[in-house]
Amino acid sequence: PVARLRWDWNSLICDREDLQFRHYTEKYFPPADILCRYLEDFAAAYDLNIQHGVKVVNVDKVDGRFVVTDAQGNTYTAKRLIVATGIAKPYIPDIPGVELCENYNNHSVDPQAYTNKRVLVVGKGNSAFETADNLIETTAAIHILSPESVKFAWQTHYVGNLRAVNNNFLDTYQLKSQNTVIDAAIDKIEKENGKYQVHLTYTHAKGQTAVVEYDHVIFCTGFRFDPTFFGEGLRPALVYDGRLPAQTSEWESTNIPDLYFAGVLMSACDHKKTMSAFIHGFRHNIEALSNVFEVKYHGEEWPHEAIEATPRAVTDKVIDRVNRAPEMFLQPGFLCDVMVVNEMEGTVDYFNGVRKDYVMDSHFGQNNHYYTISLEYGHFLGDPFSVERDPSPDAAMNAAYLHPVIRHYSYGQIVSEHHINDDLESHWYKDEYVMPALAYFTEQLVPEPVMAMAMD
């Protein structure tokens, strides 16, 4: 059941089989109303204390405690505050004349409104291509524009980049030349006689400029965090052009102690790299945040399992986790497992789902002998559908696809690194994967010289 979460992008983490999202729909891209029904059922099943229809208008801090005020004047106080308000406010670039234009959340979605019109869509994410695709059949021409080139999800492994389901527009550009994708920066936008005059500078044309006329200009440049409900002296620091709150490796505000972020807002920490902006990513982040709180505020240990410090026992545990664990599969290179070796007792403490940079910033990094286990993509250039592979175990460090990586550390300094080659179906049970890992741990689990002397 745990391994199923690797391919289930919508379920929340729980111990109830009836609250797995697959029981609600078989659709690969389910409609939003089904997700809403699922969340309602989830909240009811666990009797969660949720107050609906409450608008927070102010957050301040008095005598070291947060004071949250709603629109009805009710106040709520807490030592610590978790904000999970998402990124609901449109991000509008600072471009002269941008106020003259439409944007993704208020433009007409009726294709007939654009019949025989020239349309500029600003942005190159899924919302931009989704907007353009909706208008292909009625417009005279559509241009999609931003300073940077299109990034494809199948190249970056980031699902927020352009997905195949939204890229039909590219055929009308490359095969028909009716529509266009432009790499350029907009210098200013003017409106004359009902037409938009867009002044732009091409990215790849040695500074060439142009003025292009359109009937409609629609900004699809994403969304951002809205911090306006915080008091003037309590505004969290922001990053990425003000889109997201700046956070530590514990998802805590970098400038407001005891203020934490959850959900989509966690994506500031792995921005456009892994899946923290989506349910299948942030659900595992939230599980890790819960453990951070237990350690930091309640004096508890991060949940772990003690296993025998032998090469075979350690290898078996690692192989089991890389084959089944959803968190390292869905948050590659961001969430990892940690093994801390207690050489005096001959045991290994195995911790699941720890944020990788938190390992270095926390008590984990203060150990003499520990390992991180993660799943990571390799690096390659060119066509992602035509990658040369070397199946030899000795060449595993060059694996291009998702594969296990084991790193040995001592007091935060890396000692050694072992890669297990990528596999067609991400199954690493075969001897060709297990035996090199066993050999690695046979060598690495030898007690450190200082510890060996102490034992003598």
Protein backbone atom coordinates (compact mmCIF):
# COMPACT_ATOMS: atom_id res chain seq x y z
CA PRO A 1 0.00 0.00 0.00
CA VAL A 2 2.81 2.45 0.79
CA ALA A 3 4.50 1.82 -2.56
CA ARG A 4 1.24 2.66 -4.37
CA LEU A 5 1.68 6.29 -3.37
CA ARG A 6 4.55 6.48 -5.86
CA TRP A 7 1.98 6.60 -8.66
CA ASP A 8 -0.88 8.15 -6.70
CA TRP A 9 -0.54 11.92 -6.99
CA ASN A 10 -3.75 12.87 -5.18
CA SER A 11 -4.19 10.85 -1.98
CA LEU A 12 -3.27 12.34 1.36
CA ILE A 13 -1.17 10.25 3.73
CA CYS A 14 -3.36 8.22 6.05
CA ASP A 15 -3.90 4.70 7.36
CA ARG A 16 -7.37 4.18 5.86
CA GLU A 17 -7.79 2.19 2.68
CA ASP A 18 -11.17 3.78 1.92
CA LEU A 19 -9.51 7.21 1.78
CA GLN A 20 -7.23 6.35 -1.11
CA PHE A 21 -8.06 8.58 -4.08
CA ARG A 22 -8.33 5.67 -6.50
CA HIS A 23 -11.68 4.81 -4.89
CA TYR A 24 -13.06 8.16 -6.07
CA THR A 25 -12.17 8.05 -9.76
CA GLU A 26 -10.23 6.12 -12.38
CA LYS A 27 -9.45 9.22 -14.44
CA TYR A 28 -5.80 10.06 -15.00
CA PHE A 29 -6.62 13.78 -14.87
CA PRO A 30 -9.55 13.93 -12.42
CA PRO A 31 -11.80 17.01 -12.32
CA ALA A 32 -11.42 19.41 -9.41
CA ASP A 33 -14.85 18.70 -7.93
CA ILE A 34 -13.83 15.09 -7.22
CA LEU A 35 -10.80 16.30 -5.29
CA CYS A 36 -13.04 18.65 -3.29
CA ARG A 37 -15.34 15.76 -2.39
CA TYR A 38 -12.34 13.65 -1.39
CA LEU A 39 -11.02 16.39 0.90
CA GLU A 40 -14.44 16.84 2.50
CA ASP A 41 -14.65 13.11 3.20
CA PHE A 42 -11.10 13.08 4.57
CA ALA A 43 -11.85 15.93 6.98
CA ALA A 44 -15.07 14.26 8.14
CA ALA A 45 -13.44 10.86 8.60
CA TYR A 46 -10.81 12.27 10.94
CA ASP A 47 -13.13 14.84 12.54
CA LEU A 48 -10.69 17.64 11.74
CA ASN A 49 -11.32 20.95 13.46
CA ILE A 50 -11.69 23.12 10.37
CA GLN A 51 -13.54 26.43 10.34
CA HIS A 52 -14.84 27.30 6.88
CA GLY A 53 -15.74 30.75 5.59
CA VAL A 54 -13.22 32.49 7.84
CA LYS A 55 -11.18 35.31 6.32
CA VAL A 56 -7.99 36.23 8.16
CA VAL A 57 -7.42 39.98 8.01
CA ASN A 58 -4.42 40.40 10.30
CA VAL A 59 -1.60 38.44 11.88
CA ASP A 60 0.54 40.08 14.52
CA LYS A 61 2.71 39.07 17.45
CA VAL A 62 2.08 40.20 21.02
CA ASP A 63 4.30 39.15 23.95
CA GLY A 64 5.87 36.40 21.86
CA ARG A 65 2.56 34.90 20.72
CA PHE A 66 0.89 35.13 17.34
CA VAL A 67 -2.49 36.86 17.31
CA VAL A 68 -4.65 36.04 14.29
CA THR A 69 -7.70 38.23 13.68
CA ASP A 70 -10.54 37.33 11.31
CA ALA A 71 -13.03 39.55 9.48
CA GLN A 72 -15.59 39.12 12.29
CA GLY A 73 -13.14 40.39 14.89
CA ASN A 74 -12.47 36.99 16.44
CA THR A 75 -8.90 36.40 17.60
CA TYR A 76 -6.83 33.24 17.85
CA THR A 77 -3.50 33.03 19.67
CA ALA A 78 -0.67 30.52 19.38
CA LYS A 79 3.02 30.13 20.14
CA ARG A 80 3.62 28.85 16.64
CA LEU A 81 1.80 29.50 13.39
CA ILE A 82 1.66 27.43 10.21
CA VAL A 83 0.51 29.26 7.08
CA ALA A 84 -0.82 27.15 4.21
CA THR A 85 -2.69 29.75 2.14
CA GLY A 86 -1.21 28.74 -1.20
CA ILE A 87 -0.33 31.09 -4.05
CA ALA A 88 -3.69 32.53 -5.02
CA LYS A 89 -2.70 36.04 -6.08
CA PRO A 90 -1.66 36.55 -9.74
CA TYR A 91 1.98 37.39 -10.26
CA ILE A 92 2.13 40.44 -12.52
CA PRO A 93 5.58 41.43 -13.85
CA ASP A 94 6.73 45.02 -13.47
CA ILE A 95 6.29 46.09 -17.09
CA PRO A 96 5.11 49.56 -18.15
CA GLY A 97 1.58 49.20 -19.53
CA VAL A 98 0.87 45.81 -17.97
CA GLU A 99 -2.22 47.28 -16.31
CA LEU A 100 -3.80 47.68 -19.76
CA CYS A 101 -3.83 43.92 -20.33
CA GLU A 102 -5.87 40.91 -19.29
CA ASN A 103 -4.55 38.08 -17.14
CA TYR A 104 -5.17 34.39 -16.70
CA ASN A 105 -7.77 34.70 -13.96
CA ASN A 106 -9.99 37.32 -15.62
CA HIS A 107 -9.77 36.91 -19.40
CA SER A 108 -12.68 35.48 -21.39
CA VAL A 109 -12.39 31.74 -21.99
CA ASP A 110 -14.92 31.87 -24.84
CA PRO A 111 -12.94 31.26 -28.07
CA GLN A 112 -15.54 33.21 -30.06
CA ALA A 113 -14.46 36.39 -28.29
CA TYR A 114 -11.13 36.13 -30.13
CA THR A 115 -12.39 35.34 -33.64
CA ASN A 116 -9.90 36.56 -36.27
CA LYS A 117 -7.92 38.38 -33.58
CA ARG A 118 -4.18 38.50 -32.98
CA VAL A 119 -3.44 37.37 -29.44
CA LEU A 120 -0.27 37.57 -27.36
CA VAL A 121 -0.03 35.17 -24.40
CA VAL A 122 2.74 36.13 -21.97
CA GLY A 123 4.33 33.21 -20.12
CA LYS A 124 5.49 29.72 -21.08
CA GLY A 125 4.03 27.53 -18.35
CA ASN A 126 1.08 25.17 -18.54
CA SER A 127 -1.46 27.95 -18.00
CA ALA A 128 -0.08 29.90 -20.96
CA PHE A 129 -0.19 26.94 -23.33
CA GLU A 130 -3.57 25.87 -21.98
CA THR A 131 -4.89 29.35 -22.76
CA ALA A 132 -3.39 29.35 -26.25
CA ASP A 133 -4.66 25.86 -27.03
CA ASN A 134 -8.19 26.96 -26.13
CA LEU A 135 -8.04 29.76 -28.72
CA ILE A 136 -6.33 28.01 -31.65
CA GLU A 137 -9.50 27.34 -33.65
CA THR A 138 -10.80 30.93 -33.75
CA THR A 139 -7.85 33.33 -33.66
CA ALA A 140 -5.97 34.77 -36.62
CA ALA A 141 -2.63 34.26 -34.85
CA ILE A 142 -1.32 33.51 -31.38
CA HIS A 143 2.13 34.36 -30.07
CA ILE A 144 3.44 32.91 -26.79
CA LEU A 145 6.23 34.99 -25.28
CA SER A 146 8.65 35.14 -22.36
CA PRO A 147 12.39 35.90 -22.06
CA GLU A 148 13.33 32.24 -21.54
CA SER A 149 12.84 29.21 -23.76
CA VAL A 150 10.16 26.61 -23.12
CA LYS A 151 11.05 24.05 -20.47
CA PHE A 152 9.50 20.63 -20.94
CA ALA A 153 8.51 18.49 -17.97
CA TRP A 154 9.92 15.38 -19.60
CA GLN A 155 13.34 17.05 -19.73
CA THR A 156 13.41 18.70 -16.31
CA HIS A 157 11.34 16.08 -14.41
CA TYR A 158 9.46 19.01 -12.87
CA VAL A 159 5.73 18.65 -13.49
CA GLY A 160 5.21 22.40 -13.31
CA ASN A 161 7.04 22.81 -16.60
CA LEU A 162 5.18 22.26 -19.87
CA ARG A 163 3.33 18.94 -19.87
CA ALA A 164 2.61 16.94 -23.02
CA VAL A 165 -1.13 17.31 -22.45
CA ASN A 166 -0.79 21.07 -23.02
CA ASN A 167 1.72 21.27 -25.87
CA ASN A 168 -0.51 20.80 -28.95
CA PHE A 169 0.12 24.46 -29.72
CA LEU A 170 3.71 23.67 -30.69
CA ASP A 171 2.55 21.78 -33.78
CA THR A 172 0.80 24.90 -35.06
CA TYR A 173 4.11 26.72 -34.69
CA GLN A 174 6.67 24.25 -35.99
CA LEU A 175 4.51 22.56 -38.64
CA LYS A 176 2.18 25.31 -39.83
CA SER A 177 3.93 28.57 -38.87
CA GLN A 178 0.59 30.20 -38.17
CA ASN A 179 1.41 30.69 -34.51
CA THR A 180 4.71 31.48 -32.83
CA VAL A 181 6.69 30.93 -29.64
CA ILE A 182 8.96 33.91 -28.97
CA ASP A 183 11.92 34.29 -26.60
CA ALA A 184 11.89 38.00 -25.83
CA ALA A 185 11.54 40.52 -23.02
CA ILE A 186 8.71 43.05 -23.08
CA ASP A 187 10.03 46.58 -22.63
CA LYS A 188 6.65 48.32 -22.55
CA ILE A 189 3.06 48.01 -23.74
CA GLU A 190 1.03 50.83 -25.23
CA LYS A 191 -2.55 50.94 -26.49
CA GLU A 192 -3.44 52.95 -29.57
CA ASN A 193 -6.80 52.93 -31.37
CA GLY A 194 -7.87 49.79 -29.53
CA LYS A 195 -4.70 47.89 -30.47
CA TYR A 196 -1.81 46.86 -28.23
CA GLN A 197 1.66 47.96 -29.32
CA VAL A 198 4.11 45.62 -27.63
CA HIS A 199 7.74 46.77 -27.57
CA LEU A 200 10.08 43.83 -27.14
CA THR A 201 13.74 42.83 -27.24
CA TYR A 202 14.58 39.39 -28.60
CA THR A 203 16.61 37.12 -26.34
CA HIS A 204 18.66 35.38 -29.03
CA ALA A 205 19.00 38.06 -31.71
CA LYS A 206 21.91 40.24 -30.58
CA GLY A 207 19.66 42.86 -29.00
CA GLN A 208 17.22 43.19 -31.89
CA THR A 209 14.05 45.05 -30.95
CA ALA A 210 10.58 45.13 -32.48
CA VAL A 211 7.10 46.56 -32.01
CA VAL A 212 4.35 44.00 -32.60
CA GLU A 213 0.63 44.75 -32.74
CA TYR A 214 -2.05 42.62 -31.06
CA ASP A 215 -5.78 42.74 -30.39
CA HIS A 216 -5.43 41.00 -27.02
CA VAL A 217 -2.58 40.59 -24.55
CA ILE A 218 -3.12 37.97 -21.83
CA PHE A 219 -0.64 37.55 -18.98
CA CYS A 220 -0.27 33.94 -17.79
CA THR A 221 2.72 34.49 -15.56
CA GLY A 222 1.74 32.41 -12.56
CA PHE A 223 0.69 33.18 -9.03
CA ARG A 224 2.30 34.32 -5.80
CA PHE A 225 1.93 34.28 -2.04
CA ASP A 226 -0.13 37.16 -0.63
CA PRO A 227 1.47 38.41 2.63
CA THR A 228 -0.79 41.45 3.09
CA PHE A 229 -2.64 39.97 6.08
CA PHE A 230 0.55 40.15 8.15
CA GLY A 231 1.12 43.22 10.29
CA GLU A 232 3.66 45.72 8.96
CA GLY A 233 6.30 44.63 11.47
CA LEU A 234 5.70 40.94 10.87
CA ARG A 235 5.98 40.56 7.10
CA PRO A 236 7.89 37.39 6.19
CA ALA A 237 10.84 37.79 3.85
CA LEU A 238 10.09 36.77 0.26
CA VAL A 239 12.09 35.13 -2.54
CA TYR A 240 11.72 34.53 -6.28
CA ASP A 241 10.55 38.03 -7.16
CA GLY A 242 8.21 38.10 -4.18
CA ARG A 243 6.37 34.94 -5.18
CA LEU A 244 7.12 32.79 -2.12
CA PRO A 245 8.17 33.18 1.54
CA ALA A 246 11.84 32.58 2.34
CA GLN A 247 12.32 29.51 4.55
CA THR A 248 14.91 27.54 6.48
CA SER A 249 15.52 23.81 6.18
CA GLU A 250 12.69 23.39 8.74
CA TRP A 251 10.21 25.34 6.57
CA GLU A 252 10.41 28.17 9.11
CA SER A 253 10.40 31.81 8.04
CA THR A 254 13.93 33.15 7.75
CA ASN A 255 13.03 36.35 9.60
CA ILE A 256 9.96 35.52 11.76
CA PRO A 257 10.72 32.85 14.41
CA ASP A 258 8.05 30.19 14.97
CA LEU A 259 6.29 31.03 11.68
CA TYR A 260 6.13 27.98 9.42
CA PHE A 261 4.75 27.25 5.97
CA ALA A 262 2.99 24.20 4.56
CA GLY A 263 1.45 23.03 1.31
CA VAL A 264 2.36 24.81 -1.92
CA LEU A 265 4.31 27.46 -0.01
CA MET A 266 6.90 24.81 0.85
CA SER A 267 8.02 24.93 -2.79
CA ALA A 268 10.24 27.93 -2.05
CA CYS A 269 12.78 25.41 -0.79
CA ASP A 270 13.03 23.32 -3.98
CA HIS A 271 11.66 25.88 -6.41
CA LYS A 272 10.87 24.29 -9.78
CA LYS A 273 13.11 21.32 -9.03
CA THR A 274 10.99 18.71 -7.27
CA MET A 275 7.31 18.38 -6.39
CA SER A 276 6.70 20.53 -3.31
CA ALA A 277 4.18 22.68 -5.20
CA PHE A 278 1.91 19.67 -5.71
CA ILE A 279 -0.03 17.28 -3.47
CA HIS A 280 2.20 14.31 -4.19
CA GLY A 281 5.20 16.31 -3.01
CA PHE A 282 4.03 18.50 -0.15
CA ARG A 283 2.11 15.68 1.56
CA HIS A 284 5.50 14.09 2.31
CA ASN A 285 7.03 17.44 3.27
CA ILE A 286 4.23 17.92 5.79
CA GLU A 287 4.93 14.50 7.29
CA ALA A 288 8.57 15.57 7.69
CA LEU A 289 7.49 18.93 9.17
CA SER A 290 5.44 17.06 11.76
CA ASN A 291 8.56 15.15 12.78
CA VAL A 292 10.55 18.39 12.91
CA PHE A 293 8.01 19.75 15.39
CA GLU A 294 8.16 16.60 17.52
CA VAL A 295 11.95 16.89 17.73
CA LYS A 296 12.16 20.65 18.17
CA TYR A 297 9.25 21.42 20.48
CA HIS A 298 8.36 18.15 22.22
CA GLY A 299 11.75 16.56 22.82
CA GLU A 300 10.86 13.45 20.85
CA GLU A 301 13.15 11.52 18.54
CA TRP A 302 12.55 11.37 14.81
CA PRO A 303 10.74 8.03 14.27
CA HIS A 304 13.27 5.36 13.40
CA GLU A 305 14.04 1.67 13.35
CA ALA A 306 17.12 0.10 14.91
CA ILE A 307 18.76 -2.56 12.75
CA GLU A 308 21.89 -4.63 13.08
CA ALA A 309 25.01 -2.85 11.85
CA THR A 310 26.01 -5.60 9.44
CA PRO A 311 26.48 -5.15 5.69
CA ARG A 312 23.69 -7.60 4.88
CA ALA A 313 21.11 -6.11 7.27
CA VAL A 314 21.87 -2.57 6.13
CA THR A 315 21.82 -3.51 2.44
CA ASP A 316 18.50 -5.33 2.80
CA LYS A 317 16.95 -2.29 4.48
CA VAL A 318 18.25 0.15 1.88
CA ILE A 319 17.14 -2.03 -1.04
CA ASP A 320 13.67 -2.38 0.48
CA ARG A 321 13.33 1.38 0.90
CA VAL A 322 14.56 2.42 -2.55
CA ASN A 323 12.06 -0.02 -4.05
CA ARG A 324 9.06 1.00 -1.95
CA ALA A 325 9.42 4.44 -0.34
CA PRO A 326 7.17 7.06 -1.97
CA GLU A 327 8.78 10.16 -0.43
CA MET A 328 12.24 9.72 -1.96
CA PHE A 329 10.65 8.62 -5.26
CA LEU A 330 8.40 11.69 -5.52
CA GLN A 331 10.82 14.20 -3.96
CA PRO A 332 14.05 13.07 -5.65
CA GLY A 333 17.17 14.59 -4.17
CA PHE A 334 15.11 16.59 -1.68
CA LEU A 335 13.79 14.04 0.83
CA CYS A 336 16.07 11.19 1.83
CA ASP A 337 16.52 8.44 4.40
CA VAL A 338 19.24 8.70 7.03
CA MET A 339 21.23 5.91 8.68
CA VAL A 340 23.22 6.76 11.81
CA VAL A 341 25.74 4.12 12.88
CA ASN A 342 26.21 3.48 16.59
CA GLU A 343 29.52 1.66 16.47
CA MET A 344 29.72 1.13 20.24
CA GLU A 345 26.44 -0.81 20.25
CA GLY A 346 26.76 -2.36 16.80
CA THR A 347 23.43 -0.97 15.58
CA VAL A 348 22.17 1.41 12.93
CA ASP A 349 19.26 3.81 13.48
CA TYR A 350 17.28 4.16 10.25
CA PHE A 351 15.21 7.35 9.73
CA ASN A 352 12.70 7.80 6.90
CA GLY A 353 11.79 10.89 4.89
CA VAL A 354 14.21 13.55 6.13
CA ARG A 355 14.80 16.74 4.20
CA LYS A 356 18.31 16.55 2.76
CA ASP A 357 19.52 20.01 3.81
CA TYR A 358 17.93 19.53 7.25
CA VAL A 359 20.27 16.57 7.73
CA MET A 360 23.24 18.91 7.50
CA ASP A 361 21.64 21.66 9.62
CA SER A 362 20.40 19.42 12.44
CA HIS A 363 21.65 16.87 14.96
CA PHE A 364 21.99 14.32 12.16
CA GLY A 365 24.97 16.18 10.74
CA GLN A 366 26.77 16.08 14.09
CA ASN A 367 27.32 12.33 13.92
CA ASN A 368 30.65 10.70 13.20
CA HIS A 369 29.29 7.98 10.93
CA TYR A 370 26.06 8.33 8.97
CA TYR A 371 24.58 7.86 5.51
CA THR A 372 21.92 9.44 3.35
CA ILE A 373 19.92 7.36 0.88
CA SER A 374 18.07 9.15 -1.89
CA LEU A 375 16.70 8.67 -5.38
CA GLU A 376 18.11 11.18 -7.85
CA TYR A 377 18.11 11.94 -11.55
CA GLY A 378 21.41 12.10 -13.36
CA HIS A 379 22.49 14.72 -15.85
CA PHE A 380 22.32 14.48 -19.61
CA LEU A 381 22.25 16.73 -22.63
CA GLY A 382 20.12 16.44 -25.72
CA ASP A 383 17.09 14.28 -26.40
CA PRO A 384 15.68 12.69 -23.19
CA PHE A 385 14.19 9.91 -25.32
CA SER A 386 17.57 8.92 -26.75
CA VAL A 387 20.06 8.68 -23.91
CA GLU A 388 23.08 6.41 -24.20
CA ARG A 389 23.38 4.13 -21.16
CA ASP A 390 26.17 2.04 -19.69
CA PRO A 391 24.60 -0.81 -17.67
CA SER A 392 27.87 -1.62 -15.92
CA PRO A 393 27.68 -1.17 -12.11
CA ASP A 394 30.98 0.71 -12.30
CA ALA A 395 29.31 3.35 -14.50
CA ALA A 396 26.24 3.86 -12.29
CA MET A 397 27.40 7.34 -11.29
CA ASN A 398 26.63 8.37 -14.88
CA ALA A 399 23.06 7.04 -14.81
CA ALA A 400 20.71 9.56 -16.42
CA TYR A 401 17.40 8.37 -15.05
CA LEU A 402 16.12 8.09 -11.47
CA HIS A 403 18.43 5.88 -9.43
CA PRO A 404 19.52 5.28 -5.81
CA VAL A 405 22.43 7.27 -4.39
CA ILE A 406 24.07 6.38 -1.06
CA ARG A 407 26.41 8.88 0.59
CA HIS A 408 28.60 8.29 3.63
CA TYR A 409 29.26 11.32 5.87
CA SER A 410 31.26 12.14 8.96
CA TYR A 411 30.41 15.35 10.84
CA GLY A 412 28.88 16.87 7.71
CA GLN A 413 31.79 15.99 5.43
CA ILE A 414 31.25 13.46 2.67
CA VAL A 415 33.41 10.35 2.95
CA SER A 416 32.24 8.32 -0.04
CA GLU A 417 29.39 7.92 -2.51
CA HIS A 418 27.78 4.92 -4.20
CA HIS A 419 25.32 4.94 -7.11
CA ILE A 420 23.04 2.07 -8.12
CA ASN A 421 22.27 2.03 -11.83
CA ASP A 422 18.87 3.09 -13.14
CA ASP A 423 16.35 0.37 -13.93
CA LEU A 424 13.64 0.22 -16.59
CA GLU A 425 10.84 -0.08 -14.01
CA SER A 426 12.65 1.34 -10.97
CA HIS A 427 12.96 -2.12 -9.40
CA TRP A 428 16.31 -2.64 -7.71
CA TYR A 429 15.96 -6.19 -6.39
CA LYS A 430 18.30 -7.93 -8.85
CA ASP A 431 21.77 -9.08 -7.83
CA GLU A 432 23.31 -6.64 -10.32
CA TYR A 433 22.03 -3.85 -8.03
CA VAL A 434 22.18 -5.56 -4.64
CA MET A 435 25.66 -7.07 -4.74
CA PRO A 436 27.57 -3.82 -5.46
CA ALA A 437 25.62 -2.16 -2.63
CA LEU A 438 26.51 -5.04 -0.32
CA ALA A 439 30.18 -4.70 -1.27
CA TYR A 440 30.00 -0.96 -0.61
CA PHE A 441 28.59 -1.39 2.90
CA THR A 442 31.03 -4.21 3.62
CA GLU A 443 33.81 -1.70 3.06
CA GLN A 444 32.20 1.39 4.59
CA LEU A 445 30.77 -0.11 7.78
CA VAL A 446 34.26 -0.87 9.12
CA PRO A 447 34.55 1.15 12.38
CA GLU A 448 36.43 4.41 12.17
CA PRO A 449 40.04 4.14 13.49
CA VAL A 450 39.35 6.40 16.47
CA MET A 451 36.32 4.37 17.47
CA ALA A 452 38.22 1.12 17.00
CA MET A 453 40.96 2.32 19.35
CA ALA A 454 38.38 3.33 21.94
CA MET A 455 36.82 -0.11 21.77
CA ASP A 456 40.23 -1.75 22.24
